[in-house]
Protein backbone atom coordinates (compact mmCIF):
# COMPACT_ATOMS: atom_id res chain seq x y z
CA UNK A 1 -136.09 -121.17 123.12
CA UNK A 2 -138.86 -123.49 124.32
CA UNK A 3 -140.10 -121.01 126.95
CA UNK A 4 -140.51 -118.37 124.25
CA UNK A 5 -142.89 -120.61 122.32
CA UNK A 6 -145.72 -120.36 124.84
CA UNK A 7 -147.77 -117.31 123.77
CA UNK A 8 -150.97 -117.13 121.78
CA UNK A 9 -154.33 -118.86 121.54
CA UNK A 10 -152.75 -122.32 121.06
CA UNK A 11 -150.31 -122.05 123.94
CA UNK A 12 -149.60 -125.51 125.34
CA UNK A 13 -150.49 -127.39 122.16
CA UNK A 14 -147.67 -129.55 120.79
CA UNK A 15 -147.69 -130.38 117.07
CA UNK A 16 -145.54 -132.92 115.25
CA UNK A 17 -145.11 -131.58 111.73
CA UNK A 18 -144.05 -134.26 109.24
CA UNK A 19 -144.95 -132.11 106.24
CA UNK A 20 -142.88 -130.65 103.42
CA UNK A 21 -143.17 -128.18 100.53
CA UNK A 22 -146.06 -125.66 100.97
CA UNK A 23 -149.41 -127.18 101.92
CA UNK A 24 -148.59 -128.76 105.26
CA UNK A 25 -145.95 -126.25 106.36
CA UNK A 26 -148.38 -123.39 105.67
CA UNK A 27 -150.96 -124.99 107.99
CA UNK A 28 -148.49 -125.75 110.75
CA UNK A 29 -146.84 -122.33 110.54
CA UNK A 30 -150.27 -120.82 111.24
CA UNK A 31 -150.50 -123.06 114.32
CA UNK A 32 -147.05 -121.94 115.40
CA UNK A 33 -147.94 -118.28 114.92
CA UNK A 34 -150.81 -118.80 117.38
CA UNK A 35 -148.51 -120.21 120.03
CA UNK A 36 -148.37 -123.95 119.37
CA UNK A 37 -145.04 -125.69 119.94
CA UNK A 38 -144.50 -127.03 116.42
CA UNK A 39 -141.79 -129.67 116.05
CA UNK A 40 -140.82 -130.07 112.41
CA UNK A 41 -139.73 -133.67 112.01
CA UNK A 42 -137.55 -133.81 108.93
CA UNK A 43 -135.89 -136.69 107.19
CA UNK A 44 -132.42 -135.99 105.77
CA UNK A 45 -132.82 -134.01 102.53
CA UNK A 46 -136.61 -134.30 102.79
CA UNK A 47 -137.86 -130.73 102.32
CA UNK A 48 -136.52 -129.49 98.99
CA UNK A 49 -138.01 -126.04 99.63
CA UNK A 50 -135.07 -125.34 101.94
CA UNK A 51 -132.94 -124.99 98.81
CA UNK A 52 -135.16 -122.82 96.57
CA UNK A 53 -134.34 -119.20 95.86
CA UNK A 54 -132.15 -116.71 97.71
CA UNK A 55 -130.88 -118.21 100.96
CA UNK A 56 -131.14 -121.71 99.56
CA UNK A 57 -127.40 -122.22 99.86
CA UNK A 58 -127.89 -121.97 103.64
CA UNK A 59 -130.86 -124.33 103.65
CA UNK A 60 -133.09 -121.33 104.44
CA UNK A 61 -134.53 -120.49 101.03
CA UNK A 62 -136.94 -117.59 100.58
CA UNK A 63 -139.94 -119.95 100.25
CA UNK A 64 -139.20 -122.03 103.35
CA UNK A 65 -142.40 -121.61 105.45
CA UNK A 66 -141.30 -122.75 108.85
CA UNK A 67 -140.99 -119.94 111.37
CA UNK A 68 -142.09 -120.64 114.95
CA UNK A 69 -140.96 -124.26 114.64
CA UNK A 70 -138.21 -126.46 116.03
CA UNK A 71 -136.39 -128.81 113.67
CA UNK A 72 -135.69 -132.45 114.51
CA UNK A 73 -134.11 -134.80 111.97
CA UNK A 74 -135.14 -138.45 112.20
CA UNK A 75 -134.81 -141.19 109.59
CA UNK A 76 -138.22 -142.80 109.91
CA UNK A 77 -137.16 -145.71 107.74
CA UNK A 78 -134.85 -146.84 110.52
CA UNK A 79 -136.26 -148.59 113.58
CA UNK A 80 -134.60 -146.17 115.99
CA UNK A 81 -136.00 -143.18 114.09
CA UNK A 82 -139.51 -144.63 114.09
CA UNK A 83 -139.27 -145.43 117.80
CA UNK A 84 -138.20 -141.84 118.48
CA UNK A 85 -141.16 -140.52 116.52
CA UNK A 86 -143.55 -142.71 118.53
CA UNK A 87 -142.05 -141.37 121.76
CA UNK A 88 -142.58 -137.82 120.54
CA UNK A 89 -146.14 -138.70 119.53
CA UNK A 90 -146.90 -139.99 123.03
CA UNK A 91 -146.59 -136.43 124.31
CA UNK A 92 -148.07 -134.61 121.31
CA UNK A 93 -151.53 -133.19 120.67
CA UNK A 94 -151.44 -133.16 116.87
CA UNK A 95 -149.52 -135.00 114.16
CA UNK A 96 -149.70 -133.63 110.61
CA UNK A 97 -148.34 -135.35 107.51
CA UNK A 98 -148.72 -134.78 103.76
CA UNK A 99 -147.47 -137.95 102.11
CA UNK A 100 -150.00 -140.51 100.94
CA UNK A 101 -151.59 -142.56 103.76
CA UNK A 102 -150.19 -145.71 102.19
CA UNK A 103 -146.67 -144.38 102.79
CA UNK A 104 -147.43 -143.74 106.46
CA UNK A 105 -148.70 -147.31 106.77
CA UNK A 106 -145.50 -148.66 105.21
CA UNK A 107 -143.49 -146.74 107.79
CA UNK A 108 -145.56 -148.29 110.56
CA UNK A 109 -146.95 -144.86 111.37
CA UNK A 110 -150.58 -145.28 110.31
CA UNK A 111 -153.40 -144.01 112.47
CA UNK A 112 -153.96 -147.23 114.42
CA UNK A 113 -150.30 -147.39 115.44
CA UNK A 114 -150.34 -143.78 116.58
CA UNK A 115 -153.69 -144.13 118.35
CA UNK A 116 -152.29 -147.04 120.34
CA UNK A 117 -149.44 -144.79 121.40
CA UNK A 118 -151.66 -141.80 122.20
CA UNK A 119 -155.49 -142.06 122.06
CA UNK A 120 -155.80 -138.27 122.42
CA UNK A 121 -153.70 -137.59 119.33
CA UNK A 122 -155.29 -135.64 116.47
CA UNK A 123 -153.84 -137.34 113.37
CA UNK A 124 -154.17 -135.18 110.27
CA UNK A 125 -153.28 -136.12 106.70
CA UNK A 126 -153.24 -133.50 103.96
CA UNK A 127 -152.70 -135.30 100.66
CA UNK A 128 -154.04 -135.63 97.12
CA UNK A 129 -157.28 -137.57 97.02
CA UNK A 130 -159.95 -138.87 99.37
CA UNK A 131 -159.59 -142.49 100.42
CA UNK A 132 -162.07 -144.94 98.93
CA UNK A 133 -162.05 -143.51 95.41
CA UNK A 134 -160.06 -144.69 92.40
CA UNK A 135 -157.49 -141.87 92.73
CA UNK A 136 -156.74 -142.56 96.39
CA UNK A 137 -153.12 -143.64 95.93
CA UNK A 138 -152.21 -141.23 93.13
CA UNK A 139 -149.58 -138.52 93.61
CA UNK A 140 -150.74 -134.90 93.67
CA UNK A 141 -149.08 -131.53 93.22
CA UNK A 142 -150.53 -128.03 93.05
CA UNK A 143 -150.54 -127.93 89.24
CA UNK A 144 -152.24 -131.31 88.98
CA UNK A 145 -154.96 -130.32 91.42
CA UNK A 146 -155.57 -127.04 89.59
CA UNK A 147 -156.18 -129.11 86.46
CA UNK A 148 -158.26 -131.73 88.26
CA UNK A 149 -160.51 -129.37 90.23
CA UNK A 150 -161.60 -127.06 87.41
CA UNK A 151 -159.24 -124.13 87.97
CA UNK A 152 -157.53 -124.69 84.63
CA UNK A 153 -160.88 -125.05 82.87
CA UNK A 154 -162.12 -121.79 84.43
CA UNK A 155 -159.03 -119.99 83.13
CA UNK A 156 -159.69 -121.40 79.66
CA UNK A 157 -163.10 -119.70 79.65
CA UNK A 158 -161.49 -116.28 79.96
CA UNK A 159 -158.24 -116.67 78.03
CA UNK A 160 -158.99 -117.91 74.52
CA UNK A 161 -159.79 -121.53 75.42
CA UNK A 162 -156.27 -122.12 76.76
CA UNK A 163 -156.27 -123.91 80.13
CA UNK A 164 -153.72 -122.50 82.52
CA UNK A 165 -152.45 -122.42 86.07
CA UNK A 166 -152.97 -119.61 88.57
CA UNK A 167 -149.42 -118.27 89.22
CA UNK A 168 -149.78 -118.83 92.95
CA UNK A 169 -149.63 -122.15 94.81
CA UNK A 170 -153.37 -121.75 95.28
CA UNK A 171 -154.18 -125.41 95.92
CA UNK A 172 -151.37 -125.97 98.41
CA UNK A 173 -152.14 -122.85 100.41
CA UNK A 174 -155.93 -123.16 100.28
CA UNK A 175 -155.83 -126.76 101.45
CA UNK A 176 -153.26 -125.78 104.07
CA UNK A 177 -155.67 -123.20 105.46
CA UNK A 178 -158.47 -125.79 105.47
CA UNK A 179 -156.20 -128.19 107.38
CA UNK A 180 -155.36 -125.41 109.85
CA UNK A 181 -159.05 -124.79 110.52
CA UNK A 182 -159.77 -128.51 110.81
CA UNK A 183 -157.00 -128.93 113.39
CA UNK A 184 -158.31 -126.06 115.49
CA UNK A 185 -161.84 -127.52 115.38
CA UNK A 186 -160.52 -130.97 116.31
CA UNK A 187 -158.71 -129.53 119.31
CA UNK A 188 -162.00 -127.99 120.45
CA UNK A 189 -163.82 -131.30 119.92
CA UNK A 190 -161.21 -133.11 122.00
CA UNK A 191 -161.84 -130.68 124.85
CA UNK A 192 -165.45 -131.87 124.79
CA UNK A 193 -164.89 -135.62 124.28
CA UNK A 194 -161.37 -136.29 125.53
CA UNK A 195 -160.67 -138.28 122.37
CA UNK A 196 -158.38 -137.71 119.43
CA UNK A 197 -159.31 -138.65 115.90
CA UNK A 198 -158.08 -139.11 112.35
CA UNK A 199 -158.78 -136.32 109.86
CA UNK A 200 -158.10 -136.54 106.12
CA UNK A 201 -157.89 -133.26 104.19
CA UNK A 202 -157.68 -134.26 100.48
CA UNK A 203 -156.59 -131.63 97.97
CA UNK A 204 -158.89 -132.74 95.14
CA UNK A 205 -162.08 -132.68 97.15
CA UNK A 206 -161.17 -129.47 98.99
CA UNK A 207 -160.38 -127.55 95.80
CA UNK A 208 -163.37 -129.01 93.95
CA UNK A 209 -165.51 -127.75 96.82
CA UNK A 210 -163.96 -124.29 96.38
CA UNK A 211 -164.44 -124.19 92.60
CA UNK A 212 -167.86 -125.82 92.35
CA UNK A 213 -169.34 -123.70 95.15
CA UNK A 214 -169.44 -121.02 92.44
CA UNK A 215 -169.68 -123.07 89.29
CA UNK A 216 -172.13 -125.90 90.01
CA UNK A 217 -174.63 -123.11 89.25
CA UNK A 218 -177.52 -124.40 87.09
CA UNK A 219 -176.74 -128.02 87.88
CA UNK A 220 -177.49 -127.34 91.54
CA UNK A 221 -181.00 -128.42 90.47
CA UNK A 222 -182.39 -131.67 89.09
CA UNK A 223 -183.16 -131.39 86.28
CA UNK A 224 -180.59 -128.70 85.56
CA UNK A 225 -182.02 -125.19 85.20
CA UNK A 226 -178.92 -123.85 83.45
CA UNK A 227 -175.41 -124.95 82.54
CA UNK A 228 -172.54 -125.14 85.00
CA UNK A 229 -170.47 -121.97 85.40
CA UNK A 230 -171.36 -118.70 87.13
CA UNK A 231 -171.54 -116.22 84.21
CA UNK A 232 -170.21 -113.18 86.06
CA UNK A 233 -167.00 -114.93 87.02
CA UNK A 234 -166.50 -116.36 83.52
CA UNK A 235 -167.04 -113.11 81.59
CA UNK A 236 -163.89 -112.47 79.55
CA UNK A 237 -164.14 -108.76 80.32
CA UNK A 238 -164.12 -109.38 84.08
CA UNK A 239 -160.61 -108.16 84.67
CA UNK A 240 -158.78 -104.97 85.59
CA UNK A 241 -159.54 -102.48 82.84
CA UNK A 242 -157.02 -100.53 80.85
CA UNK A 243 -157.38 -96.82 81.38
CA UNK A 244 -155.82 -94.10 79.29
CA UNK A 245 -152.56 -94.51 81.19
CA UNK A 246 -152.70 -97.69 83.32
CA UNK A 247 -154.99 -100.36 84.78
CA UNK A 248 -157.74 -100.16 87.35
CA UNK A 249 -159.95 -102.76 89.02
CA UNK A 250 -163.49 -101.81 89.93
CA UNK A 251 -166.59 -103.65 91.11
CA UNK A 252 -169.87 -102.43 89.63
CA UNK A 253 -172.32 -104.89 91.13
CA UNK A 254 -175.38 -103.47 92.92
CA UNK A 255 -178.19 -101.34 91.49
CA UNK A 256 -176.63 -98.30 93.12
CA UNK A 257 -173.21 -99.06 91.63
CA UNK A 258 -174.58 -99.24 88.09
CA UNK A 259 -176.79 -96.19 88.47
CA UNK A 260 -173.95 -94.16 89.97
CA UNK A 261 -171.51 -95.30 87.28
CA UNK A 262 -173.63 -94.03 84.41
CA UNK A 263 -174.38 -90.82 86.30
CA UNK A 264 -170.64 -90.32 86.86
CA UNK A 265 -169.86 -90.58 83.13
CA UNK A 266 -172.68 -88.20 82.22
CA UNK A 267 -175.16 -90.73 80.85
CA UNK A 268 -177.66 -91.30 83.71
CA UNK A 269 -180.50 -92.35 81.41
CA UNK A 270 -178.62 -95.48 80.33
CA UNK A 271 -179.26 -97.18 83.66
CA UNK A 272 -183.01 -96.72 83.31
CA UNK A 273 -183.31 -97.27 79.56
CA UNK A 274 -181.13 -100.34 78.97
CA UNK A 275 -183.23 -103.46 79.77
CA UNK A 276 -180.06 -105.44 80.50
CA UNK A 277 -179.53 -103.28 83.59
CA UNK A 278 -183.02 -103.81 85.01
CA UNK A 279 -182.00 -105.99 87.96
CA UNK A 280 -179.39 -108.47 89.17
CA UNK A 281 -180.94 -111.34 87.18
CA UNK A 282 -180.85 -109.48 83.85
CA UNK A 283 -177.37 -108.15 84.56
CA UNK A 284 -176.13 -111.66 85.29
CA UNK A 285 -177.68 -112.93 82.04
CA UNK A 286 -175.94 -110.20 80.00
CA UNK A 287 -172.88 -109.66 82.18
CA UNK A 288 -170.31 -110.35 79.46
CA UNK A 289 -171.81 -107.64 77.23
CA UNK A 290 -172.09 -105.16 80.10
CA UNK A 291 -168.50 -105.69 81.25
CA UNK A 292 -167.29 -105.29 77.67
CA UNK A 293 -169.17 -101.99 77.44
CA UNK A 294 -167.57 -100.76 80.67
CA UNK A 295 -164.17 -101.89 79.45
CA UNK A 296 -164.40 -99.62 76.39
CA UNK A 297 -165.59 -96.69 78.51
CA UNK A 298 -162.70 -97.08 80.97
CA UNK A 299 -160.13 -96.65 78.19
CA UNK A 300 -161.22 -93.04 77.62
CA UNK A 301 -159.92 -91.47 80.86
CA UNK A 302 -156.69 -91.59 82.87
CA UNK A 303 -156.45 -93.64 86.05
CA UNK A 304 -156.44 -90.78 88.54
CA UNK A 305 -159.51 -89.22 86.98
CA UNK A 306 -161.33 -92.55 87.18
CA UNK A 307 -160.33 -92.95 90.82
CA UNK A 308 -161.79 -89.53 91.64
CA UNK A 309 -165.02 -90.29 89.76
CA UNK A 310 -165.45 -93.74 91.25
CA UNK A 311 -164.69 -92.55 94.76
CA UNK A 312 -167.29 -89.79 94.45
CA UNK A 313 -169.79 -92.35 93.08
CA UNK A 314 -169.07 -94.77 95.95
CA UNK A 315 -167.98 -97.51 93.54
CA UNK A 316 -165.29 -99.88 94.91
CA UNK A 317 -162.02 -99.72 92.97
CA UNK A 318 -158.29 -100.31 93.34
CA UNK A 319 -155.22 -99.77 91.20
CA UNK A 320 -153.45 -102.91 90.04
CA UNK A 321 -150.46 -103.62 92.25
CA UNK A 322 -147.26 -105.19 90.98
CA UNK A 323 -145.32 -107.46 93.32
CA UNK A 324 -142.91 -104.59 93.94
CA UNK A 325 -145.56 -101.94 94.55
CA UNK A 326 -147.38 -104.35 96.89
CA UNK A 327 -144.17 -104.70 98.86
CA UNK A 328 -144.17 -100.90 99.27
CA UNK A 329 -147.92 -100.43 99.87
CA UNK A 330 -148.47 -97.67 102.43
CA UNK A 331 -151.48 -99.31 104.08
CA UNK A 332 -149.50 -102.50 104.68
CA UNK A 333 -146.68 -100.41 106.13
CA UNK A 334 -149.11 -98.63 108.46
CA UNK A 335 -150.56 -101.89 109.83
CA UNK A 336 -147.12 -103.50 110.14
CA UNK A 337 -147.81 -106.31 107.70
CA UNK A 338 -144.18 -106.80 106.68
CA UNK A 339 -141.82 -107.82 109.46
CA UNK A 340 -138.05 -107.46 109.60
CA UNK A 341 -135.63 -109.64 111.54
CA UNK A 342 -131.91 -110.21 111.73
CA UNK A 343 -130.75 -113.66 110.72
CA UNK A 344 -127.09 -114.50 111.45
CA UNK A 345 -126.77 -116.69 108.37
CA UNK A 346 -128.55 -114.29 105.99
CA UNK A 347 -128.54 -110.79 107.45
CA UNK A 348 -131.71 -108.71 107.55
CA UNK A 349 -134.78 -110.51 106.19
CA UNK A 350 -138.40 -109.50 105.54
CA UNK A 351 -141.36 -111.71 106.41
CA UNK A 352 -145.14 -111.53 106.50
CA UNK A 353 -146.94 -111.23 109.79
CA UNK A 354 -149.86 -113.51 110.66
CA UNK A 355 -152.79 -111.90 108.78
CA UNK A 356 -155.40 -112.07 111.56
CA UNK A 357 -155.30 -109.52 114.37
CA UNK A 358 -155.88 -111.00 117.82
CA UNK A 359 -156.46 -108.45 120.58
CA UNK A 360 -156.21 -110.84 123.53
CA UNK A 361 -153.81 -113.61 122.48
CA UNK A 362 -151.97 -112.17 119.49
CA UNK A 363 -150.03 -114.19 116.96
CA UNK A 364 -146.30 -113.56 117.17
CA UNK A 365 -143.04 -114.40 115.44
CA UNK A 366 -141.08 -115.99 118.28
CA UNK A 367 -138.46 -117.74 116.21
CA UNK A 368 -137.34 -117.77 112.59
CA UNK A 369 -137.23 -120.89 110.42
CA UNK A 370 -134.82 -123.38 111.99
CA UNK A 371 -131.68 -124.85 110.55
CA UNK A 372 -131.97 -128.52 109.63
CA UNK A 373 -131.71 -130.52 112.87
CA UNK A 374 -131.22 -127.42 115.00
CA UNK A 375 -133.35 -128.79 117.85
CA UNK A 376 -132.85 -132.55 117.57
CA UNK A 377 -130.99 -132.94 120.86
CA UNK A 378 -133.30 -130.54 122.71
CA UNK A 379 -136.54 -132.21 121.62
CA UNK A 380 -135.34 -135.78 122.09
CA UNK A 381 -134.16 -134.81 125.55
CA UNK A 382 -137.66 -133.57 126.35
CA UNK A 383 -139.02 -136.94 125.20
CA UNK A 384 -136.88 -138.74 127.79
CA UNK A 385 -133.72 -139.59 125.86
CA UNK A 386 -130.48 -139.23 127.79
CA UNK A 387 -127.55 -137.44 126.12
CA UNK A 388 -125.86 -140.81 125.66
CA UNK A 389 -128.94 -142.34 124.04
CA UNK A 390 -129.21 -139.38 121.69
CA UNK A 391 -125.58 -139.79 120.68
CA UNK A 392 -126.15 -143.50 119.95
CA UNK A 393 -129.22 -142.70 117.82
CA UNK A 394 -127.31 -140.10 115.83
CA UNK A 395 -124.29 -142.35 115.40
CA UNK A 396 -126.57 -145.06 113.98
CA UNK A 397 -127.76 -142.62 111.28
CA UNK A 398 -131.32 -142.55 112.63
CA UNK A 399 -131.15 -138.78 113.13
CA UNK A 400 -129.08 -135.66 112.67
CA UNK A 401 -128.26 -132.67 114.84
CA UNK A 402 -126.40 -129.40 114.36
C-alpha cells in the first residue's frame, strides 16, 4: 500500500493528520490526492463522522473524508501513545491538528515540543479563533462561525430579516482549503530556508476575511463613504428566477449584458432611456429595483425559451440543479468528475475526484478511506517499532490495530 502512495505533486511529503470532522480532513485529503503520504492519527472513537449516514455502521460513513490516508490509532493521553506520536513526528514533514492549541499543550504536543523533535516540521493548527484575542480558547463549529463571521447576517438581508445558515459546511470546507494552501506554501518556504514553522489557520478570521472582502464596502474608507454591504449581493431579487415552468439563474452584469437583454425581449430602447442603466455605478445604486424588474419579466416565458434567448444574446445562464440532477449532470460525466470504486465492506461506492486537473503530476485516488486502525502496525513499524514493541503498546491500551 505504501508504494502506491507515491504519485503526484506532493510525492515524498509525509503528513501527520490529527484532525477530525470536516475542516482538517478536507485539507489533508487534498494533500493526499496530490501524492502526500497522509497518516491519520486517530484516538479511539475520536472522529464521529465515521458513523454518520449510510455506511456508518461499518465506520465508513458517507461523509467520512479520508481517502488516500493510512489510519493509526494512538491514545495520546497515555505516555506510550504520546511517545509514539513524537517518533512519527520525527520523520514527518507536516503535522495538522484542529483542536484548540491549549488542548495540544495539555497533551504535551505543543509547537515547542514538536519543534524540539523535528525543527523542519510544519506545524499547522486549524481551529476557531486567532490566539491573542478574547475568543482564543472558545469552541467553534461551522454554524457558530457562520453566525460570527457575518454569513448569517448576510442571509438575513435577503430572507425577511431571518438570520440563517448556508446548508453546506461552508466554514469548515473554506478554512480547510485555506489550510491546504497554507501548507503547500509552507513546504515551498521550507525548501528555501530549511526551517519548519508554526501556522495557525483560525476559522473566525478566515471566514471574516471571506465575507468582509465583499461587504466592508463603504467602510473601506475613513470616513466611511457608504454603509457596509455590497448592494448587488444583498439585493433580495438576486436569486434564480422563476420562469413560466421552472427556475433559471442568469447573470446580467456588463453594459453588453443589459443592452442585449432588453433587445432580446423586444424593448431595446429601455437600456438607453432608463437612467438607472446608464453605467455600472448607477446600476449598483439601483440594483435591487433592476433585479426585481428582471424577476417579473422572467416569469412570462418558459425555461427553454429563455435559454434560447439568453444564449443568442450571449448572457450567462444556467438551470437550477437539484442534488439528484447534479449527480447526473452530463458535463460532469464527460469530464469524469464522479468516481466509482469497489469497497469490500460496502460494495460499489461513488466519490468525487480531485477538482483540479494536473497534466504532469495528476491527483489520484490511490486508496479509499481506511478502517479505524487499519495501518497502525505498518506505520509504527516504519517508525522503528519492533513487532514485539507494537504488541506491548497495543496491550497497554495506547493504540489499536485491526
